[in-house]
PDB file of all heavy atoms in Angstrom:
ATOM      1  N   GLY A   1     -13.423 -19.544 -24.767  1.00  0.00           N
ATOM      2  CA  GLY A   1     -12.858 -18.203 -24.933  1.00  0.00           C
ATOM      3  C   GLY A   1     -11.478 -18.113 -24.310  1.00  0.00           C
ATOM      4  O   GLY A   1     -11.047 -19.021 -23.585  1.00  0.00           O
ATOM      5  N   VAL A   2     -10.774 -17.026 -24.596  1.00  0.00           N
ATOM      6  CA  VAL A   2      -9.443 -16.796 -24.021  1.00  0.00           C
ATOM      7  C   VAL A   2      -9.247 -15.320 -23.674  1.00  0.00           C
ATOM      8  O   VAL A   2      -9.884 -14.450 -24.256  1.00  0.00           O
ATOM      9  CB  VAL A   2      -8.296 -17.210 -24.985  1.00  0.00           C
ATOM     10  CG1 VAL A   2      -8.385 -18.664 -25.371  1.00  0.00           C
ATOM     11  CG2 VAL A   2      -8.256 -16.343 -26.219  1.00  0.00           C
ATOM     12  N   VAL A   3      -8.364 -15.085 -22.717  1.00  0.00           N
ATOM     13  CA  VAL A   3      -7.802 -13.759 -22.472  1.00  0.00           C
ATOM     14  C   VAL A   3      -6.296 -13.908 -22.652  1.00  0.00           C
ATOM     15  O   VAL A   3      -5.662 -14.725 -21.980  1.00  0.00           O
ATOM     16  CB  VAL A   3      -8.111 -13.242 -21.049  1.00  0.00           C
ATOM     17  CG1 VAL A   3      -7.525 -11.846 -20.863  1.00  0.00           C
ATOM     18  CG2 VAL A   3      -9.605 -13.229 -20.781  1.00  0.00           C
ATOM     19  N   CYS A   4      -5.738 -13.161 -23.586  1.00  0.00           N
ATOM     20  CA  CYS A   4      -4.298 -13.231 -23.863  1.00  0.00           C
ATOM     21  C   CYS A   4      -3.554 -12.128 -23.111  1.00  0.00           C
ATOM     22  O   CYS A   4      -4.138 -11.108 -22.724  1.00  0.00           O
ATOM     23  CB  CYS A   4      -4.046 -13.068 -25.360  1.00  0.00           C
ATOM     24  SG  CYS A   4      -4.894 -14.283 -26.391  1.00  0.00           S
ATOM     25  N   SER A   5      -2.254 -12.318 -22.948  1.00  0.00           N
ATOM     26  CA  SER A   5      -1.445 -11.379 -22.161  1.00  0.00           C
ATOM     27  C   SER A   5      -1.412  -9.975 -22.768  1.00  0.00           C
ATOM     28  O   SER A   5      -1.247  -9.000 -22.051  1.00  0.00           O
ATOM     29  CB  SER A   5      -0.024 -11.911 -22.015  1.00  0.00           C
ATOM     30  OG  SER A   5       0.589 -12.061 -23.282  1.00  0.00           O
ATOM     31  N   GLU A   6      -1.559  -9.851 -24.085  1.00  0.00           N
ATOM     32  CA  GLU A   6      -1.489  -8.519 -24.705  1.00  0.00           C
ATOM     33  C   GLU A   6      -2.825  -7.784 -24.666  1.00  0.00           C
ATOM     34  O   GLU A   6      -2.927  -6.654 -25.140  1.00  0.00           O
ATOM     35  CB  GLU A   6      -0.978  -8.622 -26.143  1.00  0.00           C
ATOM     36  CG  GLU A   6       0.457  -9.131 -26.238  1.00  0.00           C
ATOM     37  CD  GLU A   6       1.444  -8.353 -25.373  1.00  0.00           C
ATOM     38  OE1 GLU A   6       1.708  -7.171 -25.681  1.00  0.00           O
ATOM     39  OE2 GLU A   6       1.967  -8.911 -24.387  1.00  0.00           O
ATOM     40  N   HIS A   7      -3.862  -8.417 -24.128  1.00  0.00           N
ATOM     41  CA  HIS A   7      -5.146  -7.719 -23.936  1.00  0.00           C
ATOM     42  C   HIS A   7      -4.982  -6.685 -22.830  1.00  0.00           C
ATOM     43  O   HIS A   7      -4.328  -6.934 -21.822  1.00  0.00           O
ATOM     44  CB  HIS A   7      -6.217  -8.737 -23.537  1.00  0.00           C
ATOM     45  CG  HIS A   7      -7.437  -8.112 -22.925  1.00  0.00           C
ATOM     46  ND1 HIS A   7      -8.311  -7.337 -23.650  1.00  0.00           N
ATOM     47  CD2 HIS A   7      -7.908  -8.118 -21.656  1.00  0.00           C
ATOM     48  CE1 HIS A   7      -9.277  -6.912 -22.853  1.00  0.00           C
ATOM     49  NE2 HIS A   7      -9.061  -7.376 -21.646  1.00  0.00           N
ATOM     50  N   GLN A   8      -5.558  -5.499 -23.036  1.00  0.00           N
ATOM     51  CA  GLN A   8      -5.556  -4.473 -21.999  1.00  0.00           C
ATOM     52  C   GLN A   8      -6.992  -4.087 -21.682  1.00  0.00           C
ATOM     53  O   GLN A   8      -7.807  -3.907 -22.584  1.00  0.00           O
ATOM     54  CB  GLN A   8      -4.810  -3.218 -22.474  1.00  0.00           C
ATOM     55  CG  GLN A   8      -3.324  -3.437 -22.709  1.00  0.00           C
ATOM     56  CD  GLN A   8      -2.601  -2.157 -23.088  1.00  0.00           C
ATOM     57  OE1 GLN A   8      -3.070  -1.059 -22.830  1.00  0.00           O
ATOM     58  NE2 GLN A   8      -1.439  -2.299 -23.720  1.00  0.00           N
ATOM     59  N   GLU A   9      -7.291  -3.966 -20.396  1.00  0.00           N
ATOM     60  CA  GLU A   9      -8.582  -3.401 -19.991  1.00  0.00           C
ATOM     61  C   GLU A   9      -8.323  -2.450 -18.834  1.00  0.00           C
ATOM     62  O   GLU A   9      -7.302  -2.549 -18.149  1.00  0.00           O
ATOM     63  CB  GLU A   9      -9.596  -4.484 -19.625  1.00  0.00           C
ATOM     64  CG  GLU A   9      -9.265  -5.259 -18.382  1.00  0.00           C
ATOM     65  CD  GLU A   9     -10.222  -6.429 -18.142  1.00  0.00           C
ATOM     66  OE1 GLU A   9     -10.124  -7.442 -18.851  1.00  0.00           O
ATOM     67  OE2 GLU A   9     -11.055  -6.300 -17.238  1.00  0.00           O
ATOM     68  N   TRP A  10      -9.240  -1.502 -18.627  1.00  0.00           N
ATOM     69  CA  TRP A  10      -9.011  -0.432 -17.660  1.00  0.00           C
ATOM     70  C   TRP A  10     -10.165  -0.305 -16.695  1.00  0.00           C
ATOM     71  O   TRP A  10     -11.298  -0.662 -17.003  1.00  0.00           O
ATOM     72  CB  TRP A  10      -8.832   0.904 -18.399  1.00  0.00           C
ATOM     73  CG  TRP A  10      -7.709   0.880 -19.368  1.00  0.00           C
ATOM     74  CD1 TRP A  10      -6.387   1.177 -19.107  1.00  0.00           C
ATOM     75  CD2 TRP A  10      -7.757   0.491 -20.747  1.00  0.00           C
ATOM     76  NE1 TRP A  10      -5.635   0.985 -20.247  1.00  0.00           N
ATOM     77  CE2 TRP A  10      -6.446   0.573 -21.267  1.00  0.00           C
ATOM     78  CE3 TRP A  10      -8.782   0.078 -21.579  1.00  0.00           C
ATOM     79  CZ2 TRP A  10      -6.132   0.259 -22.580  1.00  0.00           C
ATOM     80  CZ3 TRP A  10      -8.478  -0.240 -22.904  1.00  0.00           C
ATOM     81  CH2 TRP A  10      -7.165  -0.144 -23.389  1.00  0.00           C
ATOM     82  N   ARG A  11      -9.841   0.207 -15.508  1.00  0.00           N
ATOM     83  CA  ARG A  11     -10.878   0.538 -14.532  1.00  0.00           C
ATOM     84  C   ARG A  11     -10.393   1.742 -13.729  1.00  0.00           C
ATOM     85  O   ARG A  11      -9.186   2.042 -13.687  1.00  0.00           O
ATOM     86  CB  ARG A  11     -11.155  -0.653 -13.617  1.00  0.00           C
ATOM     87  CG  ARG A  11      -9.991  -0.999 -12.688  1.00  0.00           C
ATOM     88  CD  ARG A  11     -10.270  -2.248 -11.864  1.00  0.00           C
ATOM     89  NE  ARG A  11      -9.138  -2.558 -10.978  1.00  0.00           N
ATOM     90  CZ  ARG A  11      -8.972  -3.719 -10.365  1.00  0.00           C
ATOM     91  NH1 ARG A  11      -9.840  -4.701 -10.551  1.00  0.00           N
ATOM     92  NH2 ARG A  11      -7.940  -3.930  -9.566  1.00  0.00           N
ATOM     93  N   LEU A  12     -11.325   2.422 -13.107  1.00  0.00           N
ATOM     94  CA  LEU A  12     -10.993   3.531 -12.215  1.00  0.00           C
ATOM     95  C   LEU A  12     -11.347   3.090 -10.806  1.00  0.00           C
ATOM     96  O   LEU A  12     -12.467   2.640 -10.548  1.00  0.00           O
ATOM     97  CB  LEU A  12     -11.764   4.793 -12.608  1.00  0.00           C
ATOM     98  CG  LEU A  12     -11.407   5.316 -14.010  1.00  0.00           C
ATOM     99  CD1 LEU A  12     -12.269   6.516 -14.377  1.00  0.00           C
ATOM    100  CD2 LEU A  12      -9.928   5.679 -14.086  1.00  0.00           C
ATOM    101  N   ALA A  13     -10.382   3.170  -9.900  1.00  0.00           N
ATOM    102  CA  ALA A  13     -10.531   2.630  -8.548  1.00  0.00           C
ATOM    103  C   ALA A  13     -10.466   3.747  -7.508  1.00  0.00           C
ATOM    104  O   ALA A  13      -9.721   4.712  -7.658  1.00  0.00           O
ATOM    105  CB  ALA A  13      -9.429   1.607  -8.267  1.00  0.00           C
ATOM    106  N   GLY A  14     -11.249   3.602  -6.450  1.00  0.00           N
ATOM    107  CA  GLY A  14     -11.147   4.505  -5.303  1.00  0.00           C
ATOM    108  C   GLY A  14     -11.911   5.797  -5.448  1.00  0.00           C
ATOM    109  O   GLY A  14     -11.878   6.643  -4.547  1.00  0.00           O
ATOM    110  N   GLY A  15     -12.600   5.988  -6.582  1.00  0.00           N
ATOM    111  CA  GLY A  15     -13.422   7.190  -6.745  1.00  0.00           C
ATOM    112  C   GLY A  15     -14.841   6.902  -6.288  1.00  0.00           C
ATOM    113  O   GLY A  15     -15.152   5.817  -5.800  1.00  0.00           O
ATOM    114  N   ARG A  16     -15.725   7.889  -6.494  1.00  0.00           N
ATOM    115  CA  ARG A  16     -17.091   7.678  -5.995  1.00  0.00           C
ATOM    116  C   ARG A  16     -17.905   6.771  -6.915  1.00  0.00           C
ATOM    117  O   ARG A  16     -18.960   6.282  -6.538  1.00  0.00           O
ATOM    118  CB  ARG A  16     -17.791   9.011  -5.789  1.00  0.00           C
ATOM    119  CG  ARG A  16     -17.958   9.814  -7.049  1.00  0.00           C
ATOM    120  CD  ARG A  16     -18.567  11.169  -6.745  1.00  0.00           C
ATOM    121  NE  ARG A  16     -18.637  11.959  -7.969  1.00  0.00           N
ATOM    122  CZ  ARG A  16     -18.955  13.219  -7.993  1.00  0.00           C
ATOM    123  NH1 ARG A  16     -19.215  13.856  -6.865  1.00  0.00           N
ATOM    124  NH2 ARG A  16     -19.003  13.871  -9.143  1.00  0.00           N
ATOM    125  N   ASP A  17     -17.439   6.561  -8.150  1.00  0.00           N
ATOM    126  CA  ASP A  17     -18.106   5.620  -9.051  1.00  0.00           C
ATOM    127  C   ASP A  17     -17.110   5.159 -10.107  1.00  0.00           C
ATOM    128  O   ASP A  17     -15.916   5.464 -10.007  1.00  0.00           O
ATOM    129  CB  ASP A  17     -19.365   6.248  -9.684  1.00  0.00           C
ATOM    130  CG  ASP A  17     -19.048   7.493 -10.512  1.00  0.00           C
ATOM    131  OD1 ASP A  17     -17.883   7.634 -10.988  1.00  0.00           O
ATOM    132  OD2 ASP A  17     -19.955   8.317 -10.696  1.00  0.00           O
ATOM    133  N   GLY A  18     -17.593   4.431 -11.104  1.00  0.00           N
ATOM    134  CA  GLY A  18     -16.698   3.875 -12.117  1.00  0.00           C
ATOM    135  C   GLY A  18     -16.142   4.877 -13.107  1.00  0.00           C
ATOM    136  O   GLY A  18     -15.384   4.506 -14.006  1.00  0.00           O
ATOM    137  N   CYS A  19     -16.497   6.161 -12.951  1.00  0.00           N
ATOM    138  CA  CYS A  19     -16.017   7.201 -13.873  1.00  0.00           C
ATOM    139  C   CYS A  19     -15.053   8.172 -13.198  1.00  0.00           C
ATOM    140  O   CYS A  19     -14.784   9.265 -13.712  1.00  0.00           O
ATOM    141  CB  CYS A  19     -17.203   7.955 -14.467  1.00  0.00           C
ATOM    142  SG  CYS A  19     -18.174   6.968 -15.638  1.00  0.00           S
ATOM    143  N   ALA A  20     -14.530   7.811 -12.038  1.00  0.00           N
ATOM    144  CA  ALA A  20     -13.562   8.658 -11.341  1.00  0.00           C
ATOM    145  C   ALA A  20     -12.658   7.779 -10.491  1.00  0.00           C
ATOM    146  O   ALA A  20     -13.091   6.767  -9.958  1.00  0.00           O
ATOM    147  CB  ALA A  20     -14.285   9.674 -10.447  1.00  0.00           C
ATOM    148  N   GLY A  21     -11.386   8.174 -10.379  1.00  0.00           N
ATOM    149  CA  GLY A  21     -10.481   7.455  -9.495  1.00  0.00           C
ATOM    150  C   GLY A  21      -9.101   7.242 -10.090  1.00  0.00           C
ATOM    151  O   GLY A  21      -8.730   7.871 -11.087  1.00  0.00           O
ATOM    152  N   ARG A  22      -8.377   6.342  -9.468  1.00  0.00           N
ATOM    153  CA  ARG A  22      -7.035   6.014  -9.928  1.00  0.00           C
ATOM    154  C   ARG A  22      -7.134   5.071 -11.129  1.00  0.00           C
ATOM    155  O   ARG A  22      -7.908   4.116 -11.116  1.00  0.00           O
ATOM    156  CB  ARG A  22      -6.263   5.324  -8.805  1.00  0.00           C
ATOM    157  CG  ARG A  22      -4.812   5.039  -9.176  1.00  0.00           C
ATOM    158  CD  ARG A  22      -4.067   4.409  -8.037  1.00  0.00           C
ATOM    159  NE  ARG A  22      -4.493   3.033  -7.809  1.00  0.00           N
ATOM    160  CZ  ARG A  22      -3.886   2.202  -6.980  1.00  0.00           C
ATOM    161  NH1 ARG A  22      -2.854   2.599  -6.282  1.00  0.00           N
ATOM    162  NH2 ARG A  22      -4.327   0.961  -6.838  1.00  0.00           N
ATOM    163  N   VAL A  23      -6.338   5.332 -12.147  1.00  0.00           N
ATOM    164  CA  VAL A  23      -6.371   4.509 -13.363  1.00  0.00           C
ATOM    165  C   VAL A  23      -5.604   3.207 -13.116  1.00  0.00           C
ATOM    166  O   VAL A  23      -4.443   3.232 -12.703  1.00  0.00           O
ATOM    167  CB  VAL A  23      -5.736   5.263 -14.549  1.00  0.00           C
ATOM    168  CG1 VAL A  23      -5.843   4.413 -15.810  1.00  0.00           C
ATOM    169  CG2 VAL A  23      -6.396   6.620 -14.753  1.00  0.00           C
ATOM    170  N   GLU A  24      -6.287   2.083 -13.371  1.00  0.00           N
ATOM    171  CA  GLU A  24      -5.637   0.771 -13.257  1.00  0.00           C
ATOM    172  C   GLU A  24      -5.844   0.013 -14.560  1.00  0.00           C
ATOM    173  O   GLU A  24      -6.921   0.082 -15.160  1.00  0.00           O
ATOM    174  CB  GLU A  24      -6.217  -0.017 -12.078  1.00  0.00           C
ATOM    175  CG  GLU A  24      -5.940   0.679 -10.746  1.00  0.00           C
ATOM    176  CD  GLU A  24      -6.480  -0.059  -9.529  1.00  0.00           C
ATOM    177  OE1 GLU A  24      -7.196  -1.067  -9.697  1.00  0.00           O
ATOM    178  OE2 GLU A  24      -6.193   0.391  -8.411  1.00  0.00           O
ATOM    179  N   VAL A  25      -4.796  -0.660 -15.001  1.00  0.00           N
ATOM    180  CA  VAL A  25      -4.852  -1.401 -16.270  1.00  0.00           C
ATOM    181  C   VAL A  25      -4.539  -2.872 -16.025  1.00  0.00           C
ATOM    182  O   VAL A  25      -3.605  -3.195 -15.289  1.00  0.00           O
ATOM    183  CB  VAL A  25      -3.892  -0.786 -17.324  1.00  0.00           C
ATOM    184  CG1 VAL A  25      -2.468  -0.678 -16.789  1.00  0.00           C
ATOM    185  CG2 VAL A  25      -3.897  -1.596 -18.617  1.00  0.00           C
ATOM    186  N   PHE A  26      -5.368  -3.746 -16.596  1.00  0.00           N
ATOM    187  CA  PHE A  26      -5.102  -5.185 -16.542  1.00  0.00           C
ATOM    188  C   PHE A  26      -4.313  -5.544 -17.804  1.00  0.00           C
ATOM    189  O   PHE A  26      -4.774  -5.334 -18.923  1.00  0.00           O
ATOM    190  CB  PHE A  26      -6.401  -5.984 -16.499  1.00  0.00           C
ATOM    191  CG  PHE A  26      -6.178  -7.469 -16.372  1.00  0.00           C
ATOM    192  CD1 PHE A  26      -5.862  -8.037 -15.154  1.00  0.00           C
ATOM    193  CD2 PHE A  26      -6.279  -8.297 -17.482  1.00  0.00           C
ATOM    194  CE1 PHE A  26      -5.644  -9.415 -15.027  1.00  0.00           C
ATOM    195  CE2 PHE A  26      -6.075  -9.677 -17.366  1.00  0.00           C
ATOM    196  CZ  PHE A  26      -5.747 -10.220 -16.142  1.00  0.00           C
ATOM    197  N   PHE A  27      -3.106  -6.045 -17.616  1.00  0.00           N
ATOM    198  CA  PHE A  27      -2.208  -6.316 -18.737  1.00  0.00           C
ATOM    199  C   PHE A  27      -1.222  -7.394 -18.319  1.00  0.00           C
ATOM    200  O   PHE A  27      -0.698  -7.361 -17.219  1.00  0.00           O
ATOM    201  CB  PHE A  27      -1.476  -5.017 -19.104  1.00  0.00           C
ATOM    202  CG  PHE A  27      -0.500  -5.141 -20.233  1.00  0.00           C
ATOM    203  CD1 PHE A  27      -0.909  -5.585 -21.487  1.00  0.00           C
ATOM    204  CD2 PHE A  27       0.830  -4.803 -20.057  1.00  0.00           C
ATOM    205  CE1 PHE A  27      -0.004  -5.697 -22.533  1.00  0.00           C
ATOM    206  CE2 PHE A  27       1.735  -4.904 -21.099  1.00  0.00           C
ATOM    207  CZ  PHE A  27       1.315  -5.355 -22.334  1.00  0.00           C
ATOM    208  N   ARG A  28      -1.018  -8.376 -19.221  1.00  0.00           N
ATOM    209  CA  ARG A  28      -0.123  -9.502 -18.932  1.00  0.00           C
ATOM    210  C   ARG A  28      -0.458 -10.189 -17.618  1.00  0.00           C
ATOM    211  O   ARG A  28       0.412 -10.565 -16.832  1.00  0.00           O
ATOM    212  CB  ARG A  28       1.342  -9.062 -18.997  1.00  0.00           C
ATOM    213  CG  ARG A  28       1.699  -8.628 -20.417  1.00  0.00           C
ATOM    214  CD  ARG A  28       3.155  -8.334 -20.665  1.00  0.00           C
ATOM    215  NE  ARG A  28       3.304  -7.791 -22.012  1.00  0.00           N
ATOM    216  CZ  ARG A  28       4.350  -7.125 -22.462  1.00  0.00           C
ATOM    217  NH1 ARG A  28       5.380  -6.917 -21.675  1.00  0.00           N
ATOM    218  NH2 ARG A  28       4.377  -6.676 -23.701  1.00  0.00           N
ATOM    219  N   GLY A  29      -1.764 -10.319 -17.351  1.00  0.00           N
ATOM    220  CA  GLY A  29      -2.216 -11.117 -16.219  1.00  0.00           C
ATOM    221  C   GLY A  29      -2.227 -10.436 -14.873  1.00  0.00           C
ATOM    222  O   GLY A  29      -2.474 -11.075 -13.862  1.00  0.00           O
ATOM    223  N   THR A  30      -1.985  -9.118 -14.824  1.00  0.00           N
ATOM    224  CA  THR A  30      -1.948  -8.440 -13.530  1.00  0.00           C
ATOM    225  C   THR A  30      -2.489  -7.016 -13.659  1.00  0.00           C
ATOM    226  O   THR A  30      -2.498  -6.442 -14.744  1.00  0.00           O
ATOM    227  CB  THR A  30      -0.507  -8.418 -12.979  1.00  0.00           C
ATOM    228  OG1 THR A  30      -0.521  -7.861 -11.667  1.00  0.00           O
ATOM    229  CG2 THR A  30       0.435  -7.600 -13.836  1.00  0.00           C
ATOM    230  N   TRP A  31      -2.967  -6.469 -12.546  1.00  0.00           N
ATOM    231  CA  TRP A  31      -3.406  -5.059 -12.524  1.00  0.00           C
ATOM    232  C   TRP A  31      -2.216  -4.172 -12.197  1.00  0.00           C
ATOM    233  O   TRP A  31      -1.435  -4.477 -11.303  1.00  0.00           O
ATOM    234  CB  TRP A  31      -4.524  -4.859 -11.494  1.00  0.00           C
ATOM    235  CG  TRP A  31      -5.823  -5.437 -11.952  1.00  0.00           C
ATOM    236  CD1 TRP A  31      -6.323  -6.672 -11.640  1.00  0.00           C
ATOM    237  CD2 TRP A  31      -6.773  -4.836 -12.834  1.00  0.00           C
ATOM    238  NE1 TRP A  31      -7.542  -6.855 -12.276  1.00  0.00           N
ATOM    239  CE2 TRP A  31      -7.839  -5.756 -13.013  1.00  0.00           C
ATOM    240  CE3 TRP A  31      -6.829  -3.595 -13.506  1.00  0.00           C
ATOM    241  CZ2 TRP A  31      -8.946  -5.469 -13.818  1.00  0.00           C
ATOM    242  CZ3 TRP A  31      -7.930  -3.322 -14.300  1.00  0.00           C
ATOM    243  CH2 TRP A  31      -8.975  -4.248 -14.461  1.00  0.00           C
ATOM    244  N   SER A  32      -2.082  -3.079 -12.940  1.00  0.00           N
ATOM    245  CA  SER A  32      -0.977  -2.132 -12.762  1.00  0.00           C
ATOM    246  C   SER A  32      -1.512  -0.709 -12.714  1.00  0.00           C
ATOM    247  O   SER A  32      -2.646  -0.450 -13.115  1.00  0.00           O
ATOM    248  CB  SER A  32       0.010  -2.239 -13.938  1.00  0.00           C
ATOM    249  OG  SER A  32       0.561  -3.535 -14.017  1.00  0.00           O
ATOM    250  N   THR A  33      -0.662   0.194 -12.256  1.00  0.00           N
ATOM    251  CA  THR A  33      -1.018   1.617 -12.295  1.00  0.00           C
ATOM    252  C   THR A  33      -0.387   2.267 -13.522  1.00  0.00           C
ATOM    253  O   THR A  33       0.477   1.692 -14.188  1.00  0.00           O
ATOM    254  CB  THR A  33      -0.550   2.347 -11.027  1.00  0.00           C
ATOM    255  OG1 THR A  33       0.781   1.934 -10.711  1.00  0.00           O
ATOM    256  CG2 THR A  33      -1.456   2.053  -9.851  1.00  0.00           C
ATOM    257  N   VAL A  34      -0.836   3.490 -13.808  1.00  0.00           N
ATOM    258  CA  VAL A  34      -0.361   4.251 -14.962  1.00  0.00           C
ATOM    259  C   VAL A  34       0.451   5.437 -14.459  1.00  0.00           C
ATOM    260  O   VAL A  34       0.010   6.145 -13.542  1.00  0.00           O
ATOM    261  CB  VAL A  34      -1.562   4.746 -15.810  1.00  0.00           C
ATOM    262  CG1 VAL A  34      -1.095   5.662 -16.941  1.00  0.00           C
ATOM    263  CG2 VAL A  34      -2.329   3.550 -16.371  1.00  0.00           C
ATOM    264  N   CYS A  35       1.630   5.644 -15.013  1.00  0.00           N
ATOM    265  CA  CYS A  35       2.475   6.768 -14.597  1.00  0.00           C
ATOM    266  C   CYS A  35       1.924   8.076 -15.164  1.00  0.00           C
ATOM    267  O   CYS A  35       1.535   8.133 -16.324  1.00  0.00           O
ATOM    268  CB  CYS A  35       3.898   6.568 -15.086  1.00  0.00           C
ATOM    269  SG  CYS A  35       4.615   5.023 -14.514  1.00  0.00           S
ATOM    270  N   ASN A  36       1.927   9.123 -14.345  1.00  0.00           N
ATOM    271  CA  ASN A  36       1.337  10.380 -14.814  1.00  0.00           C
ATOM    272  C   ASN A  36       2.339  11.303 -15.501  1.00  0.00           C
ATOM    273  O   ASN A  36       2.023  12.438 -15.829  1.00  0.00           O
ATOM    274  CB  ASN A  36       0.627  11.110 -13.663  1.00  0.00           C
ATOM    275  CG  ASN A  36       1.593  11.730 -12.658  1.00  0.00           C
ATOM    276  OD1 ASN A  36       2.801  11.476 -12.706  1.00  0.00           O
ATOM    277  ND2 ASN A  36       1.064  12.527 -11.747  1.00  0.00           N
ATOM    278  N   SER A  37       3.549  10.783 -15.785  1.00  0.00           N
ATOM    279  CA  SER A  37       4.573  11.628 -16.441  1.00  0.00           C
ATOM    280  C   SER A  37       4.130  12.108 -17.817  1.00  0.00           C
ATOM    281  O   SER A  37       4.541  13.174 -18.268  1.00  0.00           O
ATOM    282  CB  SER A  37       5.905  10.874 -16.529  1.00  0.00           C
ATOM    283  OG  SER A  37       5.697   9.538 -16.916  1.00  0.00           O
ATOM    284  N   THR A  38       3.277  11.323 -18.511  1.00  0.00           N
ATOM    285  CA  THR A  38       2.749  11.764 -19.810  1.00  0.00           C
ATOM    286  C   THR A  38       1.219  11.680 -19.810  1.00  0.00           C
ATOM    287  O   THR A  38       0.605  11.444 -20.844  1.00  0.00           O
ATOM    288  CB  THR A  38       3.296  10.899 -20.966  1.00  0.00           C
ATOM    289  OG1 THR A  38       2.982   9.525 -20.704  1.00  0.00           O
ATOM    290  CG2 THR A  38       4.796  11.045 -21.112  1.00  0.00           C
ATOM    291  N   TRP A  39       0.617  11.829 -18.626  1.00  0.00           N
ATOM    292  CA  TRP A  39      -0.837  11.718 -18.514  1.00  0.00           C
ATOM    293  C   TRP A  39      -1.463  13.097 -18.710  1.00  0.00           C
ATOM    294  O   TRP A  39      -1.678  13.843 -17.779  1.00  0.00           O
ATOM    295  CB  TRP A  39      -1.191  11.139 -17.151  1.00  0.00           C
ATOM    296  CG  TRP A  39      -2.645  10.775 -16.988  1.00  0.00           C
ATOM    297  CD1 TRP A  39      -3.543  11.400 -16.163  1.00  0.00           C
ATOM    298  CD2 TRP A  39      -3.357   9.726 -17.638  1.00  0.00           C
ATOM    299  NE1 TRP A  39      -4.770  10.794 -16.266  1.00  0.00           N
ATOM    300  CE2 TRP A  39      -4.685   9.760 -17.176  1.00  0.00           C
ATOM    301  CE3 TRP A  39      -2.996   8.756 -18.586  1.00  0.00           C
ATOM    302  CZ2 TRP A  39      -5.660   8.865 -17.605  1.00  0.00           C
ATOM    303  CZ3 TRP A  39      -3.957   7.862 -19.025  1.00  0.00           C
ATOM    304  CH2 TRP A  39      -5.277   7.923 -18.541  1.00  0.00           C
ATOM    305  N   TYR A  40      -1.738  13.423 -19.958  1.00  0.00           N
ATOM    306  CA  TYR A  40      -2.268  14.737 -20.301  1.00  0.00           C
ATOM    307  C   TYR A  40      -3.750  14.650 -20.640  1.00  0.00           C
ATOM    308  O   TYR A  40      -4.362  13.592 -20.564  1.00  0.00           O
ATOM    309  CB  TYR A  40      -1.482  15.326 -21.479  1.00  0.00           C
ATOM    310  CG  TYR A  40       0.003  15.430 -21.223  1.00  0.00           C
ATOM    311  CD1 TYR A  40       0.925  14.762 -22.031  1.00  0.00           C
ATOM    312  CD2 TYR A  40       0.494  16.189 -20.157  1.00  0.00           C
ATOM    313  CE1 TYR A  40       2.289  14.844 -21.798  1.00  0.00           C
ATOM    314  CE2 TYR A  40       1.854  16.284 -19.908  1.00  0.00           C
ATOM    315  CZ  TYR A  40       2.753  15.601 -20.736  1.00  0.00           C
ATOM    316  OH  TYR A  40       4.097  15.689 -20.501  1.00  0.00           O
ATOM    317  N   GLU A  41      -4.312  15.786 -21.042  1.00  0.00           N
ATOM    318  CA  GLU A  41      -5.736  15.866 -21.401  1.00  0.00           C
ATOM    319  C   GLU A  41      -6.136  14.799 -22.423  1.00  0.00           C
ATOM    320  O   GLU A  41      -7.171  14.150 -22.287  1.00  0.00           O
ATOM    321  CB  GLU A  41      -6.019  17.262 -21.969  1.00  0.00           C
ATOM    322  CG  GLU A  41      -7.489  17.611 -22.075  1.00  0.00           C
ATOM    323  CD  GLU A  41      -8.123  17.910 -20.722  1.00  0.00           C
ATOM    324  OE1 GLU A  41      -7.435  18.361 -19.796  1.00  0.00           O
ATOM    325  OE2 GLU A  41      -9.328  17.662 -20.620  1.00  0.00           O
ATOM    326  N   THR A  42      -5.292  14.604 -23.452  1.00  0.00           N
ATOM    327  CA  THR A  42      -5.639  13.648 -24.515  1.00  0.00           C
ATOM    328  C   THR A  42      -5.751  12.234 -23.967  1.00  0.00           C
ATOM    329  O   THR A  42      -6.736  11.540 -24.222  1.00  0.00           O
ATOM    330  CB  THR A  42      -4.575  13.677 -25.638  1.00  0.00           C
ATOM    331  OG1 THR A  42      -4.452  15.022 -26.101  1.00  0.00           O
ATOM    332  CG2 THR A  42      -4.971  12.784 -26.796  1.00  0.00           C
ATOM    333  N   GLU A  43      -4.734  11.797 -23.218  1.00  0.00           N
ATOM    334  CA  GLU A  43      -4.735  10.436 -22.670  1.00  0.00           C
ATOM    335  C   GLU A  43      -5.946  10.223 -21.756  1.00  0.00           C
ATOM    336  O   GLU A  43      -6.630   9.200 -21.817  1.00  0.00           O
ATOM    337  CB  GLU A  43      -3.442  10.166 -21.890  1.00  0.00           C
ATOM    338  CG  GLU A  43      -2.204  10.024 -22.745  1.00  0.00           C
ATOM    339  CD  GLU A  43      -1.671  11.351 -23.275  1.00  0.00           C
ATOM    340  OE1 GLU A  43      -2.053  12.425 -22.775  1.00  0.00           O
ATOM    341  OE2 GLU A  43      -0.851  11.320 -24.215  1.00  0.00           O
ATOM    342  N   ALA A  44      -6.204  11.216 -20.888  1.00  0.00           N
ATOM    343  CA  ALA A  44      -7.307  11.107 -19.932  1.00  0.00           C
ATOM    344  C   ALA A  44      -8.657  11.036 -20.657  1.00  0.00           C
ATOM    345  O   ALA A  44      -9.541  10.260 -20.285  1.00  0.00           O
ATOM    346  CB  ALA A  44      -7.278  12.293 -18.966  1.00  0.00           C
TER     347      ALA A  44
END
């Protein structure tokens, strides 16, 4: 199997469970945060 750099996966960190917390995305081999400048109801 492979994981390619354009694959994206998400997790929520620091909340009380996996359905709450800070949004983190695995992309291009590293975990990153998401900017809230366009983080609206739809995106969430």
